[in-house]
N, C-alpha and C. Protein backbone atom coordinates (compact mmCIF):
# COMPACT_ATOMS: atom_id res chain seq x y z
N UNK A 1 -95.59 -45.61 36.37
CA UNK A 1 -97.04 -45.65 36.22
C UNK A 1 -97.67 -44.27 36.48
N UNK A 2 -97.16 -43.58 37.55
CA UNK A 2 -97.70 -42.26 37.87
C UNK A 2 -97.40 -41.26 36.75
N UNK A 3 -96.19 -41.37 36.17
CA UNK A 3 -95.83 -40.46 35.08
C UNK A 3 -96.71 -40.70 33.87
N UNK A 4 -97.03 -41.93 33.59
CA UNK A 4 -97.89 -42.27 32.46
C UNK A 4 -99.30 -41.72 32.68
N UNK A 5 -99.81 -41.86 33.90
CA UNK A 5 -101.14 -41.37 34.22
C UNK A 5 -101.17 -39.84 34.11
N UNK A 6 -100.12 -39.19 34.59
CA UNK A 6 -100.04 -37.74 34.53
C UNK A 6 -99.96 -37.27 33.08
N UNK A 7 -99.18 -37.98 32.27
CA UNK A 7 -99.03 -37.64 30.86
C UNK A 7 -100.36 -37.79 30.11
N UNK A 8 -101.08 -38.86 30.37
CA UNK A 8 -102.39 -39.06 29.74
C UNK A 8 -103.39 -37.98 30.16
N UNK A 9 -103.36 -37.62 31.44
CA UNK A 9 -104.26 -36.57 31.93
C UNK A 9 -103.92 -35.23 31.27
N UNK A 10 -102.64 -34.93 31.15
CA UNK A 10 -102.22 -33.68 30.51
C UNK A 10 -102.63 -33.65 29.05
N UNK A 11 -102.46 -34.76 28.33
CA UNK A 11 -102.87 -34.83 26.93
C UNK A 11 -104.38 -34.67 26.78
N UNK A 12 -105.12 -35.30 27.68
CA UNK A 12 -106.58 -35.20 27.64
C UNK A 12 -107.02 -33.75 27.87
N UNK A 13 -106.42 -33.07 28.85
CA UNK A 13 -106.77 -31.68 29.12
C UNK A 13 -106.38 -30.78 27.95
N UNK A 14 -105.24 -31.04 27.34
CA UNK A 14 -104.83 -30.28 26.18
C UNK A 14 -105.81 -30.47 25.02
N UNK A 15 -106.26 -31.70 24.81
CA UNK A 15 -107.23 -31.98 23.76
C UNK A 15 -108.54 -31.27 24.00
N UNK A 16 -109.02 -31.27 25.25
CA UNK A 16 -110.26 -30.58 25.59
C UNK A 16 -110.10 -29.08 25.36
N UNK A 17 -108.96 -28.53 25.75
CA UNK A 17 -108.72 -27.10 25.55
C UNK A 17 -108.73 -26.74 24.07
N UNK A 18 -108.11 -27.56 23.24
CA UNK A 18 -108.08 -27.31 21.80
C UNK A 18 -109.48 -27.38 21.22
N UNK A 19 -110.27 -28.35 21.65
CA UNK A 19 -111.65 -28.46 21.17
C UNK A 19 -112.48 -27.25 21.57
N UNK A 20 -112.31 -26.78 22.81
CA UNK A 20 -113.07 -25.62 23.25
C UNK A 20 -112.68 -24.36 22.48
N UNK A 21 -111.40 -24.21 22.20
CA UNK A 21 -110.96 -23.04 21.45
C UNK A 21 -111.53 -23.08 20.03
N UNK A 22 -111.51 -24.24 19.40
CA UNK A 22 -112.02 -24.36 18.03
C UNK A 22 -113.53 -24.28 17.96
N UNK A 23 -114.23 -24.67 19.03
CA UNK A 23 -115.69 -24.68 19.02
C UNK A 23 -116.28 -23.30 19.31
N UNK A 24 -115.48 -22.39 19.86
CA UNK A 24 -115.98 -21.06 20.18
C UNK A 24 -116.23 -20.29 18.90
N UNK A 25 -117.44 -19.75 18.70
CA UNK A 25 -117.72 -19.02 17.47
C UNK A 25 -116.91 -17.73 17.42
N UNK A 26 -116.32 -17.47 16.28
CA UNK A 26 -115.57 -16.23 16.11
C UNK A 26 -116.42 -15.27 15.30
N UNK A 27 -116.62 -14.09 15.83
CA UNK A 27 -117.43 -13.09 15.15
C UNK A 27 -116.56 -11.95 14.66
N UNK A 28 -115.37 -12.24 14.28
CA UNK A 28 -114.41 -11.26 13.76
C UNK A 28 -114.29 -10.09 14.72
N UNK A 29 -114.82 -8.96 14.36
CA UNK A 29 -114.74 -7.80 15.24
C UNK A 29 -116.14 -7.33 15.64
N UNK A 30 -117.10 -8.24 15.71
CA UNK A 30 -118.47 -7.87 16.06
C UNK A 30 -118.59 -7.65 17.56
N UNK A 31 -119.25 -6.59 17.95
CA UNK A 31 -119.50 -6.28 19.35
C UNK A 31 -121.00 -6.15 19.54
N UNK A 32 -121.46 -6.43 20.74
CA UNK A 32 -122.88 -6.31 21.05
C UNK A 32 -123.13 -4.99 21.77
N UNK A 33 -124.11 -4.24 21.28
CA UNK A 33 -124.48 -2.97 21.90
C UNK A 33 -125.96 -2.98 22.22
N UNK A 34 -126.38 -2.11 23.14
CA UNK A 34 -127.79 -2.01 23.50
C UNK A 34 -128.51 -1.08 22.54
N UNK A 35 -129.48 -1.60 21.81
CA UNK A 35 -130.30 -0.79 20.93
C UNK A 35 -129.58 -0.26 19.70
N UNK A 36 -130.38 0.29 18.81
CA UNK A 36 -129.84 0.88 17.58
C UNK A 36 -129.16 2.21 17.89
N UNK A 37 -128.13 2.55 17.15
CA UNK A 37 -127.46 3.84 17.37
C UNK A 37 -128.35 5.00 16.93
N UNK A 38 -128.06 6.18 17.46
CA UNK A 38 -128.88 7.36 17.17
C UNK A 38 -128.90 7.73 15.69
N UNK A 39 -127.84 7.46 14.99
CA UNK A 39 -127.79 7.82 13.57
C UNK A 39 -128.83 7.07 12.74
N UNK A 40 -129.22 5.87 13.18
CA UNK A 40 -130.21 5.08 12.44
C UNK A 40 -131.65 5.32 12.90
N UNK A 41 -131.84 6.03 14.01
CA UNK A 41 -133.19 6.21 14.58
C UNK A 41 -133.92 7.35 13.88
N UNK A 42 -134.60 7.01 12.79
CA UNK A 42 -135.36 7.97 12.00
C UNK A 42 -136.49 7.23 11.29
N UNK A 43 -137.29 7.98 10.56
CA UNK A 43 -138.24 7.39 9.63
C UNK A 43 -137.55 7.41 8.27
N UNK A 44 -137.36 6.24 7.70
CA UNK A 44 -136.69 6.09 6.41
C UNK A 44 -137.72 5.74 5.35
N UNK A 45 -137.60 6.34 4.17
CA UNK A 45 -138.58 6.15 3.09
C UNK A 45 -137.90 5.55 1.88
N UNK A 46 -138.62 4.62 1.24
CA UNK A 46 -138.15 4.01 -0.01
C UNK A 46 -139.37 3.74 -0.88
N UNK A 47 -139.59 4.57 -1.86
CA UNK A 47 -140.74 4.38 -2.75
C UNK A 47 -142.05 4.48 -2.00
N UNK A 48 -142.84 3.40 -2.01
CA UNK A 48 -144.15 3.40 -1.35
C UNK A 48 -144.10 2.90 0.08
N UNK A 49 -142.90 2.72 0.64
CA UNK A 49 -142.80 2.13 1.98
C UNK A 49 -141.99 3.03 2.91
N UNK A 50 -142.28 2.90 4.20
CA UNK A 50 -141.52 3.63 5.20
C UNK A 50 -141.12 2.66 6.31
N UNK A 51 -139.99 2.94 6.92
CA UNK A 51 -139.46 2.16 8.04
C UNK A 51 -139.11 3.13 9.15
N UNK A 52 -139.60 2.86 10.34
CA UNK A 52 -139.29 3.69 11.49
C UNK A 52 -138.41 2.88 12.42
N UNK A 53 -137.21 3.38 12.69
CA UNK A 53 -136.29 2.68 13.59
C UNK A 53 -136.17 3.49 14.87
N UNK A 54 -136.47 2.84 16.00
CA UNK A 54 -136.26 3.43 17.31
C UNK A 54 -135.16 2.64 18.00
N UNK A 55 -134.92 2.94 19.27
CA UNK A 55 -133.82 2.27 19.95
C UNK A 55 -134.04 0.76 20.05
N UNK A 56 -135.27 0.32 20.34
CA UNK A 56 -135.54 -1.10 20.54
C UNK A 56 -136.60 -1.68 19.61
N UNK A 57 -137.05 -0.94 18.59
CA UNK A 57 -138.09 -1.42 17.68
C UNK A 57 -137.80 -1.00 16.24
N UNK A 58 -138.32 -1.78 15.30
CA UNK A 58 -138.34 -1.40 13.89
C UNK A 58 -139.76 -1.61 13.39
N UNK A 59 -140.37 -0.56 12.81
CA UNK A 59 -141.74 -0.61 12.31
C UNK A 59 -141.73 -0.45 10.79
N UNK A 60 -142.69 -1.11 10.11
CA UNK A 60 -142.84 -0.99 8.65
C UNK A 60 -144.26 -0.64 8.30
N UNK A 61 -144.43 0.12 7.19
CA UNK A 61 -145.77 0.46 6.71
C UNK A 61 -145.67 1.04 5.31
N UNK A 62 -146.77 0.98 4.57
CA UNK A 62 -146.82 1.73 3.31
C UNK A 62 -146.81 3.22 3.64
N UNK A 63 -146.23 4.04 2.78
CA UNK A 63 -146.17 5.48 3.02
C UNK A 63 -147.57 6.05 3.13
N UNK A 64 -147.81 6.89 4.13
CA UNK A 64 -149.11 7.50 4.34
C UNK A 64 -150.08 6.64 5.13
N UNK A 65 -149.69 5.49 5.58
CA UNK A 65 -150.57 4.58 6.34
C UNK A 65 -149.99 4.36 7.73
N UNK A 66 -150.77 3.69 8.59
CA UNK A 66 -150.28 3.34 9.92
C UNK A 66 -149.29 2.20 9.82
N UNK A 67 -148.41 2.11 10.81
CA UNK A 67 -147.43 1.03 10.83
C UNK A 67 -148.13 -0.30 11.05
N UNK A 68 -147.84 -1.26 10.18
CA UNK A 68 -148.56 -2.53 10.20
C UNK A 68 -147.79 -3.66 10.87
N UNK A 69 -146.46 -3.63 10.85
CA UNK A 69 -145.69 -4.70 11.45
C UNK A 69 -144.49 -4.12 12.18
N UNK A 70 -143.98 -4.90 13.11
CA UNK A 70 -142.85 -4.44 13.90
C UNK A 70 -142.05 -5.61 14.44
N UNK A 71 -140.81 -5.33 14.83
CA UNK A 71 -140.01 -6.28 15.60
C UNK A 71 -139.46 -5.54 16.81
N UNK A 72 -139.28 -6.27 17.89
CA UNK A 72 -138.70 -5.72 19.12
C UNK A 72 -137.40 -6.46 19.40
N UNK A 73 -136.44 -5.75 19.95
CA UNK A 73 -135.15 -6.35 20.24
C UNK A 73 -134.49 -5.54 21.34
N UNK A 74 -133.46 -6.09 21.95
CA UNK A 74 -132.68 -5.39 22.97
C UNK A 74 -131.25 -5.16 22.52
N UNK A 75 -130.65 -6.17 21.90
CA UNK A 75 -129.24 -6.12 21.53
C UNK A 75 -129.07 -6.01 20.02
N UNK A 76 -127.98 -5.37 19.62
CA UNK A 76 -127.64 -5.20 18.22
C UNK A 76 -126.16 -5.56 18.06
N UNK A 77 -125.86 -6.34 17.03
CA UNK A 77 -124.47 -6.68 16.73
C UNK A 77 -123.87 -5.58 15.87
N UNK A 78 -122.71 -5.06 16.28
CA UNK A 78 -122.03 -4.02 15.53
C UNK A 78 -120.77 -4.62 14.92
N UNK A 79 -120.67 -4.53 13.61
CA UNK A 79 -119.49 -5.01 12.90
C UNK A 79 -119.04 -3.89 11.96
N UNK A 80 -118.04 -3.16 12.36
CA UNK A 80 -117.61 -2.00 11.58
C UNK A 80 -118.66 -0.91 11.66
N UNK A 81 -119.21 -0.51 10.51
CA UNK A 81 -120.27 0.50 10.51
C UNK A 81 -121.64 -0.14 10.27
N UNK A 82 -121.73 -1.46 10.34
CA UNK A 82 -122.99 -2.17 10.10
C UNK A 82 -123.58 -2.68 11.40
N UNK A 83 -124.91 -2.58 11.50
CA UNK A 83 -125.63 -3.00 12.70
C UNK A 83 -126.67 -4.04 12.31
N UNK A 84 -126.68 -5.17 13.02
CA UNK A 84 -127.62 -6.26 12.76
C UNK A 84 -128.37 -6.57 14.04
N UNK A 85 -129.70 -6.69 13.95
CA UNK A 85 -130.52 -7.01 15.12
C UNK A 85 -130.14 -8.40 15.62
N UNK A 86 -129.89 -8.51 16.92
CA UNK A 86 -129.52 -9.79 17.51
C UNK A 86 -130.75 -10.38 18.20
N UNK A 87 -131.41 -11.29 17.50
CA UNK A 87 -132.59 -11.94 18.04
C UNK A 87 -132.63 -13.34 17.45
N UNK A 88 -132.73 -14.36 18.31
CA UNK A 88 -132.62 -15.74 17.83
C UNK A 88 -133.84 -16.18 17.03
N UNK A 89 -135.04 -15.70 17.37
CA UNK A 89 -136.23 -16.16 16.67
C UNK A 89 -136.59 -15.29 15.47
N UNK A 90 -135.68 -14.42 15.07
CA UNK A 90 -135.92 -13.52 13.94
C UNK A 90 -135.27 -14.08 12.69
N UNK A 91 -136.06 -14.22 11.64
CA UNK A 91 -135.53 -14.77 10.39
C UNK A 91 -134.63 -13.77 9.68
N UNK A 92 -135.01 -12.51 9.71
CA UNK A 92 -134.25 -11.48 9.01
C UNK A 92 -133.02 -11.09 9.83
N UNK A 93 -131.86 -11.45 9.36
CA UNK A 93 -130.60 -11.12 10.03
C UNK A 93 -129.72 -10.35 9.05
N UNK A 94 -130.21 -9.25 8.56
CA UNK A 94 -129.47 -8.46 7.57
C UNK A 94 -129.03 -7.14 8.20
N UNK A 95 -127.88 -6.64 7.80
CA UNK A 95 -127.34 -5.43 8.44
C UNK A 95 -127.97 -4.13 7.93
N UNK A 96 -127.92 -3.13 8.81
CA UNK A 96 -128.32 -1.76 8.50
C UNK A 96 -127.06 -0.90 8.63
N UNK A 97 -126.87 0.06 7.72
CA UNK A 97 -125.77 0.99 7.88
C UNK A 97 -126.06 2.26 7.12
N UNK A 98 -125.31 3.31 7.46
CA UNK A 98 -125.50 4.62 6.86
C UNK A 98 -124.24 4.99 6.09
N UNK A 99 -124.46 5.52 4.90
CA UNK A 99 -123.36 6.06 4.10
C UNK A 99 -123.89 7.36 3.50
N UNK A 100 -123.27 8.46 3.87
CA UNK A 100 -123.79 9.75 3.44
C UNK A 100 -125.08 10.05 4.19
N UNK A 101 -126.13 10.40 3.44
CA UNK A 101 -127.44 10.67 4.06
C UNK A 101 -128.44 9.56 3.77
N UNK A 102 -127.96 8.40 3.39
CA UNK A 102 -128.85 7.30 3.06
C UNK A 102 -128.58 6.10 3.96
N UNK A 103 -129.64 5.31 4.19
CA UNK A 103 -129.52 4.08 4.95
C UNK A 103 -129.54 2.91 3.99
N UNK A 104 -128.65 1.98 4.20
CA UNK A 104 -128.58 0.77 3.38
C UNK A 104 -128.99 -0.40 4.23
N UNK A 105 -129.76 -1.32 3.64
CA UNK A 105 -130.23 -2.51 4.36
C UNK A 105 -130.19 -3.69 3.42
N UNK A 106 -129.68 -4.81 3.91
CA UNK A 106 -129.60 -6.01 3.09
C UNK A 106 -128.18 -6.36 2.74
N UNK A 107 -128.04 -7.28 1.79
CA UNK A 107 -126.71 -7.72 1.38
C UNK A 107 -126.61 -7.70 -0.14
N UNK A 108 -125.51 -7.21 -0.61
CA UNK A 108 -125.26 -7.11 -2.04
C UNK A 108 -125.21 -8.51 -2.66
N UNK A 109 -125.97 -8.76 -3.70
CA UNK A 109 -125.94 -10.03 -4.41
C UNK A 109 -126.78 -11.13 -3.78
N UNK A 110 -127.53 -10.84 -2.72
CA UNK A 110 -128.37 -11.85 -2.07
C UNK A 110 -129.76 -11.81 -2.69
N UNK A 111 -130.26 -12.96 -3.12
CA UNK A 111 -131.58 -13.01 -3.76
C UNK A 111 -132.70 -12.82 -2.75
N UNK A 112 -132.53 -13.33 -1.51
CA UNK A 112 -133.59 -13.24 -0.50
C UNK A 112 -133.66 -11.86 0.15
N UNK A 113 -132.53 -11.28 0.45
CA UNK A 113 -132.48 -9.96 1.08
C UNK A 113 -131.58 -9.03 0.27
N UNK A 114 -132.06 -8.53 -0.87
CA UNK A 114 -131.21 -7.68 -1.71
C UNK A 114 -130.93 -6.34 -1.02
N UNK A 115 -129.91 -5.69 -1.47
CA UNK A 115 -129.53 -4.39 -0.92
C UNK A 115 -130.58 -3.35 -1.29
N UNK A 116 -131.11 -2.66 -0.27
CA UNK A 116 -132.08 -1.58 -0.51
C UNK A 116 -131.52 -0.29 0.04
N UNK A 117 -131.86 0.82 -0.60
CA UNK A 117 -131.37 2.12 -0.21
C UNK A 117 -132.57 2.97 0.22
N UNK A 118 -132.50 3.54 1.42
CA UNK A 118 -133.58 4.34 2.00
C UNK A 118 -133.10 5.76 2.24
N UNK A 119 -134.01 6.74 2.16
CA UNK A 119 -133.67 8.13 2.47
C UNK A 119 -134.61 8.65 3.54
N UNK A 120 -134.24 9.79 4.14
CA UNK A 120 -135.07 10.37 5.20
C UNK A 120 -136.25 11.09 4.64
């Protein structure tokens, strides 16, 4: 009877461990860092719009006007060379990255957040 009880307890614990391992979200190689990296902290221009990225803020405005909107954040998810703002109440969860002297934002082939290219 004791062996049966021990066996059932061991199976139950093994089942719980398997469930916990499978339920843990896997973010591939994503790491969390504080603020945006220095390479992205500039005023970026695209046509009639400008974006100013600081360590903990992103501001938007038409070129030649005052900044009209902003988001604040503390943490950024880093996946390879792409950085995504980590904020739960933020709808926009698209990556920022630099290639050459240009900043890329958005996702290729996405209708809601298409890939945009910005310059300094």
